[in-house]
PDB file of N, CA and C in Angstrom:
ATOM      1  N   MET A   1     222.163  51.641  55.440  1.00  0.00           N
ATOM      2  CA  MET A   1     222.777  51.848  56.594  1.00  0.00           C
ATOM      3  C   MET A   1     223.029  52.800  57.235  1.00  0.00           C
ATOM      4  N   ALA A   2     222.841  53.290  58.444  1.00  0.00           N
ATOM      5  CA  ALA A   2     223.470  54.774  58.740  1.00  0.00           C
ATOM      6  C   ALA A   2     225.228  54.409  58.647  1.00  0.00           C
ATOM      7  N   VAL A   3     225.649  55.501  59.132  1.00  0.00           N
ATOM      8  CA  VAL A   3     227.120  55.616  59.387  1.00  0.00           C
ATOM      9  C   VAL A   3     227.580  55.114  60.496  1.00  0.00           C
ATOM     10  N   LYS A   4     228.365  54.092  60.294  1.00  0.00           N
ATOM     11  CA  LYS A   4     228.962  53.722  61.506  1.00  0.00           C
ATOM     12  C   LYS A   4     230.481  54.012  61.815  1.00  0.00           C
ATOM     13  N   ILE A   5     230.737  53.920  62.977  1.00  0.00           N
ATOM     14  CA  ILE A   5     231.789  54.600  63.123  1.00  0.00           C
ATOM     15  C   ILE A   5     232.901  53.697  64.420  1.00  0.00           C
ATOM     16  N   TRP A   6     233.709  52.859  64.202  1.00  0.00           N
ATOM     17  CA  TRP A   6     234.231  52.113  65.154  1.00  0.00           C
ATOM     18  C   TRP A   6     235.787  52.716  65.605  1.00  0.00           C
ATOM     19  N   ALA A   7     235.986  52.910  66.845  1.00  0.00           N
ATOM     20  CA  ALA A   7     237.225  53.476  67.257  1.00  0.00           C
ATOM     21  C   ALA A   7     237.957  51.941  67.481  1.00  0.00           C
ATOM     22  N   ILE A   8     239.189  52.298  67.495  1.00  0.00           N
ATOM     23  CA  ILE A   8     240.315  51.257  67.248  1.00  0.00           C
ATOM     24  C   ILE A   8     240.544  51.256  69.072  1.00  0.00           C
ATOM     25  N   ASP A   9     240.466  49.833  69.581  1.00  0.00           N
ATOM     26  CA  ASP A   9     240.430  49.924  71.053  1.00  0.00           C
ATOM     27  C   ASP A   9     241.930  49.334  71.397  1.00  0.00           C
ATOM     28  N   PRO A  10     242.875  50.315  72.199  1.00  0.00           N
ATOM     29  CA  PRO A  10     244.192  50.094  72.450  1.00  0.00           C
ATOM     30  C   PRO A  10     244.540  48.699  73.407  1.00  0.00           C
ATOM     31  N   MET A  11     243.675  48.694  74.017  1.00  0.00           N
ATOM     32  CA  MET A  11     243.441  47.725  75.097  1.00  0.00           C
ATOM     33  C   MET A  11     243.603  46.212  74.283  1.00  0.00           C
ATOM     34  N   HIS A  12     242.715  46.081  73.043  1.00  0.00           N
ATOM     35  CA  HIS A  12     242.794  45.012  72.349  1.00  0.00           C
ATOM     36  C   HIS A  12     243.759  44.851  70.878  1.00  0.00           C
ATOM     37  N   SER A  13     244.184  45.758  70.679  1.00  0.00           N
ATOM     38  CA  SER A  13     244.724  46.256  69.227  1.00  0.00           C
ATOM     39  C   SER A  13     246.509  46.420  69.786  1.00  0.00           C
ATOM     40  N   GLU A  14     246.991  46.487  68.589  1.00  0.00           N
ATOM     41  CA  GLU A  14     248.624  46.948  68.415  1.00  0.00           C
ATOM     42  C   GLU A  14     248.801  46.900  67.225  1.00  0.00           C
ATOM     43  N   VAL A  15     249.998  47.922  67.254  1.00  0.00           N
ATOM     44  CA  VAL A  15     250.682  48.394  65.898  1.00  0.00           C
ATOM     45  C   VAL A  15     251.999  47.959  66.179  1.00  0.00           C
ATOM     46  N   GLN A  16     252.448  46.840  65.344  1.00  0.00           N
ATOM     47  CA  GLN A  16     253.710  46.621  65.067  1.00  0.00           C
ATOM     48  C   GLN A  16     254.310  46.913  63.822  1.00  0.00           C
ATOM     49  N   PHE A  17     255.469  46.476  64.136  1.00  0.00           N
ATOM     50  CA  PHE A  17     256.374  46.954  62.275  1.00  0.00           C
ATOM     51  C   PHE A  17     257.743  45.754  62.527  1.00  0.00           C
ATOM     52  N   LYS A  18     258.220  45.246  61.435  1.00  0.00           N
ATOM     53  CA  LYS A  18     259.337  44.783  61.359  1.00  0.00           C
ATOM     54  C   LYS A  18     260.089  45.265  60.158  1.00  0.00           C
ATOM     55  N   ILE A  19     261.486  45.432  60.457  1.00  0.00           N
ATOM     56  CA  ILE A  19     262.485  45.843  59.681  1.00  0.00           C
ATOM     57  C   ILE A  19     263.755  45.224  59.273  1.00  0.00           C
ATOM     58  N   LYS A  20     263.968  44.528  58.137  1.00  0.00           N
ATOM     59  CA  LYS A  20     265.095  44.166  57.753  1.00  0.00           C
ATOM     60  C   LYS A  20     266.592  44.898  58.274  1.00  0.00           C
ATOM     61  N   HIS A  21     267.383  44.353  58.730  1.00  0.00           N
ATOM     62  CA  HIS A  21     268.453  45.098  59.449  1.00  0.00           C
ATOM     63  C   HIS A  21     269.916  44.471  58.452  1.00  0.00           C
ATOM     64  N   LEU A  22     270.329  45.210  57.755  1.00  0.00           N
ATOM     65  CA  LEU A  22     271.814  44.401  57.098  1.00  0.00           C
ATOM     66  C   LEU A  22     271.297  43.000  56.081  1.00  0.00           C
ATOM     67  N   VAL A  23     270.249  42.770  55.838  1.00  0.00           N
ATOM     68  CA  VAL A  23     269.850  41.655  55.443  1.00  0.00           C
ATOM     69  C   VAL A  23     270.238  40.474  56.872  1.00  0.00           C
ATOM     70  N   VAL A  24     270.492  40.778  57.657  1.00  0.00           N
ATOM     71  CA  VAL A  24     270.935  39.367  58.792  1.00  0.00           C
ATOM     72  C   VAL A  24     270.224  39.440  59.475  1.00  0.00           C
ATOM     73  N   SER A  25     269.648  40.328  60.271  1.00  0.00           N
ATOM     74  CA  SER A  25     268.648  40.408  61.318  1.00  0.00           C
ATOM     75  C   SER A  25     267.295  41.239  60.722  1.00  0.00           C
ATOM     76  N   THR A  26     266.377  40.815  61.705  1.00  0.00           N
ATOM     77  CA  THR A  26     265.116  41.664  61.560  1.00  0.00           C
ATOM     78  C   THR A  26     264.719  42.233  63.027  1.00  0.00           C
ATOM     79  N   ILE A  27     264.340  43.524  63.089  1.00  0.00           N
ATOM     80  CA  ILE A  27     264.140  44.543  64.105  1.00  0.00           C
ATOM     81  C   ILE A  27     262.510  44.436  64.392  1.00  0.00           C
ATOM     82  N   THR A  28     262.008  43.960  65.411  1.00  0.00           N
ATOM     83  CA  THR A  28     260.463  44.343  65.760  1.00  0.00           C
ATOM     84  C   THR A  28     260.451  45.261  66.413  1.00  0.00           C
ATOM     85  N   GLY A  29     259.401  46.286  66.387  1.00  0.00           N
ATOM     86  CA  GLY A  29     259.066  47.108  67.246  1.00  0.00           C
ATOM     87  C   GLY A  29     257.424  47.415  67.181  1.00  0.00           C
ATOM     88  N   SER A  30     256.969  48.067  68.081  1.00  0.00           N
ATOM     89  CA  SER A  30     255.601  48.691  68.048  1.00  0.00           C
ATOM     90  C   SER A  30     255.456  50.145  68.565  1.00  0.00           C
ATOM     91  N   PHE A  31     254.478  50.934  68.225  1.00  0.00           N
ATOM     92  CA  PHE A  31     253.818  52.153  68.944  1.00  0.00           C
ATOM     93  C   PHE A  31     252.735  51.570  70.030  1.00  0.00           C
ATOM     94  N   LYS A  32     253.189  51.909  71.042  1.00  0.00           N
ATOM     95  CA  LYS A  32     252.316  51.824  72.186  1.00  0.00           C
ATOM     96  C   LYS A  32     251.374  52.436  72.334  1.00  0.00           C
ATOM     97  N   LYS A  33     251.475  53.632  71.849  1.00  0.00           N
ATOM     98  CA  LYS A  33     250.030  54.726  71.684  1.00  0.00           C
ATOM     99  C   LYS A  33     250.004  54.949  70.752  1.00  0.00           C
ATOM    100  N   PHE A  34     248.455  54.995  70.129  1.00  0.00           N
ATOM    101  CA  PHE A  34     247.527  55.329  68.809  1.00  0.00           C
ATOM    102  C   PHE A  34     246.125  55.124  69.697  1.00  0.00           C
ATOM    103  N   GLN A  35     245.621  55.813  68.401  1.00  0.00           N
ATOM    104  CA  GLN A  35     244.272  56.009  68.257  1.00  0.00           C
ATOM    105  C   GLN A  35     243.668  55.693  66.851  1.00  0.00           C
ATOM    106  N   GLY A  36     242.834  55.349  66.601  1.00  0.00           N
ATOM    107  CA  GLY A  36     242.135  55.211  65.035  1.00  0.00           C
ATOM    108  C   GLY A  36     240.626  54.931  65.022  1.00  0.00           C
ATOM    109  N   THR A  37     240.013  55.196  64.177  1.00  0.00           N
ATOM    110  CA  THR A  37     238.714  54.681  63.628  1.00  0.00           C
ATOM    111  C   THR A  37     238.693  54.153  62.202  1.00  0.00           C
ATOM    112  N   VAL A  38     237.664  53.564  61.971  1.00  0.00           N
ATOM    113  CA  VAL A  38     237.028  52.828  60.968  1.00  0.00           C
ATOM    114  C   VAL A  38     235.628  53.362  60.730  1.00  0.00           C
ATOM    115  N   THR A  39     235.315  54.382  59.761  1.00  0.00           N
ATOM    116  CA  THR A  39     233.950  54.749  59.009  1.00  0.00           C
ATOM    117  C   THR A  39     233.682  54.114  58.412  1.00  0.00           C
ATOM    118  N   THR A  40     232.180  53.711  57.908  1.00  0.00           N
ATOM    119  CA  THR A  40     231.404  53.196  57.078  1.00  0.00           C
ATOM    120  C   THR A  40     230.086  53.382  56.742  1.00  0.00           C
ATOM    121  N   ASN A  41     229.741  53.403  55.466  1.00  0.00           N
ATOM    122  CA  ASN A  41     228.328  53.406  55.411  1.00  0.00           C
ATOM    123  C   ASN A  41     227.595  52.417  54.693  1.00  0.00           C
ATOM    124  N   LYS A  42     228.209  51.318  54.356  1.00  0.00           N
ATOM    125  CA  LYS A  42     228.241  50.337  53.823  1.00  0.00           C
ATOM    126  C   LYS A  42     228.228  48.675  54.517  1.00  0.00           C
ATOM    127  N   GLU A  43     227.551  47.996  54.498  1.00  0.00           N
ATOM    128  CA  GLU A  43     227.584  46.783  55.196  1.00  0.00           C
ATOM    129  C   GLU A  43     228.795  46.146  54.941  1.00  0.00           C
ATOM    130  N   ASP A  44     229.362  46.009  53.523  1.00  0.00           N
ATOM    131  CA  ASP A  44     230.419  45.351  53.259  1.00  0.00           C
ATOM    132  C   ASP A  44     231.705  45.943  53.042  1.00  0.00           C
ATOM    133  N   PHE A  45     231.622  47.323  53.843  1.00  0.00           N
ATOM    134  CA  PHE A  45     233.072  47.894  54.063  1.00  0.00           C
ATOM    135  C   PHE A  45     233.538  48.549  52.978  1.00  0.00           C
ATOM    136  N   THR A  46     233.055  48.629  51.747  1.00  0.00           N
ATOM    137  CA  THR A  46     233.889  48.796  50.176  1.00  0.00           C
ATOM    138  C   THR A  46     233.637  50.391  50.351  1.00  0.00           C
ATOM    139  N   ASP A  47     233.074  51.095  51.424  1.00  0.00           N
ATOM    140  CA  ASP A  47     233.443  52.534  51.553  1.00  0.00           C
ATOM    141  C   ASP A  47     234.259  53.054  52.811  1.00  0.00           C
ATOM    142  N   ALA A  48     234.757  51.989  53.243  1.00  0.00           N
ATOM    143  CA  ALA A  48     235.158  52.556  54.684  1.00  0.00           C
ATOM    144  C   ALA A  48     236.575  53.319  54.623  1.00  0.00           C
ATOM    145  N   GLU A  49     236.294  53.924  55.262  1.00  0.00           N
ATOM    146  CA  GLU A  49     237.816  55.004  55.729  1.00  0.00           C
ATOM    147  C   GLU A  49     238.459  54.538  57.037  1.00  0.00           C
ATOM    148  N   ILE A  50     239.861  54.580  56.851  1.00  0.00           N
ATOM    149  CA  ILE A  50     240.704  54.247  58.020  1.00  0.00           C
ATOM    150  C   ILE A  50     241.467  55.374  58.350  1.00  0.00           C
ATOM    151  N   ASN A  51     241.460  55.981  59.654  1.00  0.00           N
ATOM    152  CA  ASN A  51     242.127  56.706  60.454  1.00  0.00           C
ATOM    153  C   ASN A  51     242.914  56.186  61.165  1.00  0.00           C
ATOM    154  N   LEU A  52     244.308  56.552  61.544  1.00  0.00           N
ATOM    155  CA  LEU A  52     245.252  55.911  62.440  1.00  0.00           C
ATOM    156  C   LEU A  52     246.219  56.926  62.825  1.00  0.00           C
ATOM    157  N   ASN A  53     246.487  57.451  64.058  1.00  0.00           N
ATOM    158  CA  ASN A  53     246.976  58.485  64.655  1.00  0.00           C
ATOM    159  C   ASN A  53     248.201  57.715  65.427  1.00  0.00           C
ATOM    160  N   LEU A  54     249.512  57.560  65.437  1.00  0.00           N
ATOM    161  CA  LEU A  54     250.621  57.068  66.090  1.00  0.00           C
ATOM    162  C   LEU A  54     251.298  57.800  66.715  1.00  0.00           C
ATOM    163  N   ASP A  55     251.682  57.613  68.029  1.00  0.00           N
ATOM    164  CA  ASP A  55     252.426  58.977  68.879  1.00  0.00           C
ATOM    165  C   ASP A  55     253.953  58.407  68.692  1.00  0.00           C
ATOM    166  N   VAL A  56     254.638  59.187  68.258  1.00  0.00           N
ATOM    167  CA  VAL A  56     256.001  58.757  67.888  1.00  0.00           C
ATOM    168  C   VAL A  56     256.662  58.744  68.915  1.00  0.00           C
ATOM    169  N   LYS A  57     256.728  59.207  70.246  1.00  0.00           N
ATOM    170  CA  LYS A  57     257.596  59.138  71.295  1.00  0.00           C
ATOM    171  C   LYS A  57     257.287  57.814  71.863  1.00  0.00           C
ATOM    172  N   SER A  58     256.436  57.040  71.713  1.00  0.00           N
ATOM    173  CA  SER A  58     255.885  55.741  72.113  1.00  0.00           C
ATOM    174  C   SER A  58     256.517  54.590  71.477  1.00  0.00           C
ATOM    175  N   ILE A  59     257.264  54.663  70.502  1.00  0.00           N
ATOM    176  CA  ILE A  59     257.866  53.955  69.600  1.00  0.00           C
ATOM    177  C   ILE A  59     258.871  52.607  70.595  1.00  0.00           C
ATOM    178  N   ASP A  60     258.629  51.819  70.376  1.00  0.00           N
ATOM    179  CA  ASP A  60     259.328  50.665  71.279  1.00  0.00           C
ATOM    180  C   ASP A  60     259.995  49.345  70.675  1.00  0.00           C
ATOM    181  N   THR A  61     261.355  49.314  70.836  1.00  0.00           N
ATOM    182  CA  THR A  61     262.164  48.386  69.577  1.00  0.00           C
ATOM    183  C   THR A  61     262.496  47.625  70.779  1.00  0.00           C
ATOM    184  N   ASN A  62     262.342  47.406  72.108  1.00  0.00           N
ATOM    185  CA  ASN A  62     263.069  46.568  73.116  1.00  0.00           C
ATOM    186  C   ASN A  62     264.339  47.189  73.284  1.00  0.00           C
ATOM    187  N   GLN A  63     264.973  48.243  72.570  1.00  0.00           N
ATOM    188  CA  GLN A  63     266.050  48.919  73.190  1.00  0.00           C
ATOM    189  C   GLN A  63     265.923  50.416  73.089  1.00  0.00           C
ATOM    190  N   SER A  64     266.175  50.938  74.377  1.00  0.00           N
ATOM    191  CA  SER A  64     266.001  52.743  74.440  1.00  0.00           C
ATOM    192  C   SER A  64     266.998  53.111  74.060  1.00  0.00           C
ATOM    193  N   ASP A  65     268.070  53.027  73.542  1.00  0.00           N
ATOM    194  CA  ASP A  65     268.928  53.866  72.892  1.00  0.00           C
ATOM    195  C   ASP A  65     268.445  54.142  71.397  1.00  0.00           C
ATOM    196  N   ARG A  66     268.173  52.800  70.771  1.00  0.00           N
ATOM    197  CA  ARG A  66     267.619  52.796  69.556  1.00  0.00           C
ATOM    198  C   ARG A  66     266.569  53.611  69.523  1.00  0.00           C
ATOM    199  N   ASP A  67     265.294  53.339  70.365  1.00  0.00           N
ATOM    200  CA  ASP A  67     264.482  54.358  70.484  1.00  0.00           C
ATOM    201  C   ASP A  67     264.033  55.547  70.288  1.00  0.00           C
ATOM    202  N   GLU A  68     265.407  56.015  71.239  1.00  0.00           N
ATOM    203  CA  GLU A  68     265.699  57.482  71.250  1.00  0.00           C
ATOM    204  C   GLU A  68     266.286  57.949  70.075  1.00  0.00           C
ATOM    205  N   HIS A  69     267.079  57.161  69.359  1.00  0.00           N
ATOM    206  CA  HIS A  69     267.856  57.651  68.008  1.00  0.00           C
ATOM    207  C   HIS A  69     266.795  57.808  67.027  1.00  0.00           C
ATOM    208  N   LEU A  70     265.317  56.829  67.065  1.00  0.00           N
ATOM    209  CA  LEU A  70     264.517  56.865  65.786  1.00  0.00           C
ATOM    210  C   LEU A  70     263.609  58.013  66.410  1.00  0.00           C
ATOM    211  N   GLN A  71     263.348  58.520  67.462  1.00  0.00           N
ATOM    212  CA  GLN A  71     262.900  59.945  67.586  1.00  0.00           C
ATOM    213  C   GLN A  71     263.274  60.858  67.149  1.00  0.00           C
ATOM    214  N   LYS A  72     264.851  61.289  66.731  1.00  0.00           N
ATOM    215  CA  LYS A  72     265.784  62.350  66.410  1.00  0.00           C
ATOM    216  C   LYS A  72     265.346  62.663  65.003  1.00  0.00           C
ATOM    217  N   ALA A  73     265.828  63.708  64.692  1.00  0.00           N
ATOM    218  CA  ALA A  73     265.593  64.424  63.369  1.00  0.00           C
ATOM    219  C   ALA A  73     266.416  63.116  62.172  1.00  0.00           C
ATOM    220  N   ASP A  74     267.351  62.074  62.409  1.00  0.00           N
ATOM    221  CA  ASP A  74     267.695  61.263  61.451  1.00  0.00           C
ATOM    222  C   ASP A  74     266.333  60.722  61.081  1.00  0.00           C
ATOM    223  N   PHE A  75     265.767  60.202  61.858  1.00  0.00           N
ATOM    224  CA  PHE A  75     264.744  59.298  61.525  1.00  0.00           C
ATOM    225  C   PHE A  75     263.174  60.007  61.507  1.00  0.00           C
ATOM    226  N   PHE A  76     262.439  60.032  62.702  1.00  0.00           N
ATOM    227  CA  PHE A  76     261.116  60.370  62.978  1.00  0.00           C
ATOM    228  C   PHE A  76     260.916  61.997  63.212  1.00  0.00           C
ATOM    229  N   ASP A  77     261.861  62.749  63.822  1.00  0.00           N
ATOM    230  CA  ASP A  77     262.189  63.908  64.324  1.00  0.00           C
ATOM    231  C   ASP A  77     260.849  64.196  64.691  1.00  0.00           C
ATOM    232  N   SER A  78     260.709  63.605  66.417  1.00  0.00           N
ATOM    233  CA  SER A  78     259.609  63.377  67.230  1.00  0.00           C
ATOM    234  C   SER A  78     259.377  64.912  67.776  1.00  0.00           C
ATOM    235  N   GLU A  79     260.330  65.800  67.724  1.00  0.00           N
ATOM    236  CA  GLU A  79     259.776  67.256  68.180  1.00  0.00           C
ATOM    237  C   GLU A  79     259.066  67.785  67.067  1.00  0.00           C
ATOM    238  N   THR A  80     259.737  67.679  66.128  1.00  0.00           N
ATOM    239  CA  THR A  80     258.941  68.317  64.769  1.00  0.00           C
ATOM    240  C   THR A  80     257.341  68.055  64.646  1.00  0.00           C
ATOM    241  N   TYR A  81     257.552  66.727  64.366  1.00  0.00           N
ATOM    242  CA  TYR A  81     256.690  65.801  63.817  1.00  0.00           C
ATOM    243  C   TYR A  81     256.323  64.509  65.174  1.00  0.00           C
ATOM    244  N   PRO A  82     255.378  64.997  65.850  1.00  0.00           N
ATOM    245  CA  PRO A  82     254.998  64.045  67.077  1.00  0.00           C
ATOM    246  C   PRO A  82     254.204  63.082  66.852  1.00  0.00           C
ATOM    247  N   GLU A  83     253.271  63.204  65.582  1.00  0.00           N
ATOM    248  CA  GLU A  83     252.258  62.103  65.465  1.00  0.00           C
ATOM    249  C   GLU A  83     252.588  61.589  64.052  1.00  0.00           C
ATOM    250  N   ILE A  84     252.338  59.922  63.652  1.00  0.00           N
ATOM    251  CA  ILE A  84     252.401  59.723  62.539  1.00  0.00           C
ATOM    252  C   ILE A  84     250.783  59.506  62.002  1.00  0.00           C
ATOM    253  N   LYS A  85     250.669  60.015  61.070  1.00  0.00           N
ATOM    254  CA  LYS A  85     249.068  59.886  60.873  1.00  0.00           C
ATOM    255  C   LYS A  85     248.643  59.347  59.456  1.00  0.00           C
ATOM    256  N   PHE A  86     248.089  58.485  59.432  1.00  0.00           N
ATOM    257  CA  PHE A  86     247.605  57.666  58.295  1.00  0.00           C
ATOM    258  C   PHE A  86     246.134  57.645  57.904  1.00  0.00           C
ATOM    259  N   GLN A  87     245.338  57.845  56.720  1.00  0.00           N
ATOM    260  CA  GLN A  87     244.254  58.365  56.318  1.00  0.00           C
ATOM    261  C   GLN A  87     243.961  57.572  54.945  1.00  0.00           C
ATOM    262  N   SER A  88     243.309  56.405  54.765  1.00  0.00           N
ATOM    263  CA  SER A  88     243.193  55.416  53.944  1.00  0.00           C
ATOM    264  C   SER A  88     242.842  56.410  52.722  1.00  0.00           C
ATOM    265  N   THR A  89     243.078  55.710  51.342  1.00  0.00           N
ATOM    266  CA  THR A  89     242.193  56.481  50.232  1.00  0.00           C
ATOM    267  C   THR A  89     241.304  55.591  49.555  1.00  0.00           C
ATOM    268  N   SER A  90     241.497  54.276  49.738  1.00  0.00           N
ATOM    269  CA  SER A  90     240.441  53.421  49.315  1.00  0.00           C
ATOM    270  C   SER A  90     240.410  51.793  50.023  1.00  0.00           C
ATOM    271  N   PHE A  91     239.480  51.441  50.044  1.00  0.00           N
ATOM    272  CA  PHE A  91     239.539  50.038  50.897  1.00  0.00           C
ATOM    273  C   PHE A  91     238.725  49.284  49.579  1.00  0.00           C
ATOM    274  N   THR A  92     239.433  47.810  49.159  1.00  0.00           N
ATOM    275  CA  THR A  92     238.909  47.108  48.292  1.00  0.00           C
ATOM    276  C   THR A  92     238.795  46.091  48.773  1.00  0.00           C
ATOM    277  N   LYS A  93     237.573  45.232  48.702  1.00  0.00           N
ATOM    278  CA  LYS A  93     236.998  44.047  49.083  1.00  0.00           C
ATOM    279  C   LYS A  93     237.706  43.198  47.998  1.00  0.00           C
ATOM    280  N   LYS A  94     238.083  42.130  48.597  1.00  0.00           N
ATOM    281  CA  LYS A  94     238.935  40.994  47.960  1.00  0.00           C
ATOM    282  C   LYS A  94     238.533  39.433  48.281  1.00  0.00           C
ATOM    283  N   LEU A  95     238.214  38.586  47.155  1.00  0.00           N
ATOM    284  CA  LEU A  95     238.065  37.631  47.434  1.00  0.00           C
ATOM    285  C   LEU A  95     239.038  36.582  47.573  1.00  0.00           C
ATOM    286  N   VAL A  96     239.110  35.816  48.494  1.00  0.00           N
ATOM    287  CA  VAL A  96     240.384  34.608  48.494  1.00  0.00           C
ATOM    288  C   VAL A  96     239.869  33.554  48.598  1.00  0.00           C
ATOM    289  N   THR A  97     240.129  32.763  47.718  1.00  0.00           N
ATOM    290  CA  THR A  97     240.176  31.149  47.823  1.00  0.00           C
ATOM    291  C   THR A  97     241.083  30.117  48.394  1.00  0.00           C
ATOM    292  N   ILE A  98     240.753  29.449  49.265  1.00  0.00           N
ATOM    293  CA  ILE A  98     241.839  28.323  49.706  1.00  0.00           C
ATOM    294  C   ILE A  98     241.526  27.112  49.195  1.00  0.00           C
ATOM    295  N   MET A  99     242.696  26.603  49.067  1.00  0.00           N
ATOM    296  CA  MET A  99     242.537  25.271  48.507  1.00  0.00           C
ATOM    297  C   MET A  99     243.016  24.300  49.493  1.00  0.00           C
ATOM    298  N   ALA A 100     241.941  23.217  49.518  1.00  0.00           N
ATOM    299  CA  ALA A 100     242.824  22.082  50.793  1.00  0.00           C
ATOM    300  C   ALA A 100     243.575  21.191  50.239  1.00  0.00           C
TER     301      ALA A 100
END
């Protein structure tokens, strides 16, 4: 199989996260601007490489004051580090058994 590259489609994808706050509540958020690719040379994806870039300034926790705080140096420091970059180091195929 020739090398195949798929672009992550932001119109049909989302990047979300959940964080426990003081063991009492859970904060859900997302990054609204991102791009990524999945590259593979094999049909079963065992050699897949995943790359994802997140625009830190696009963080959205549904509370603008918190979003602004998360962009400051206490957390992401978006002025110095405007992107979060992820590159996979391995991709493992797992067989899942579902019992009825």
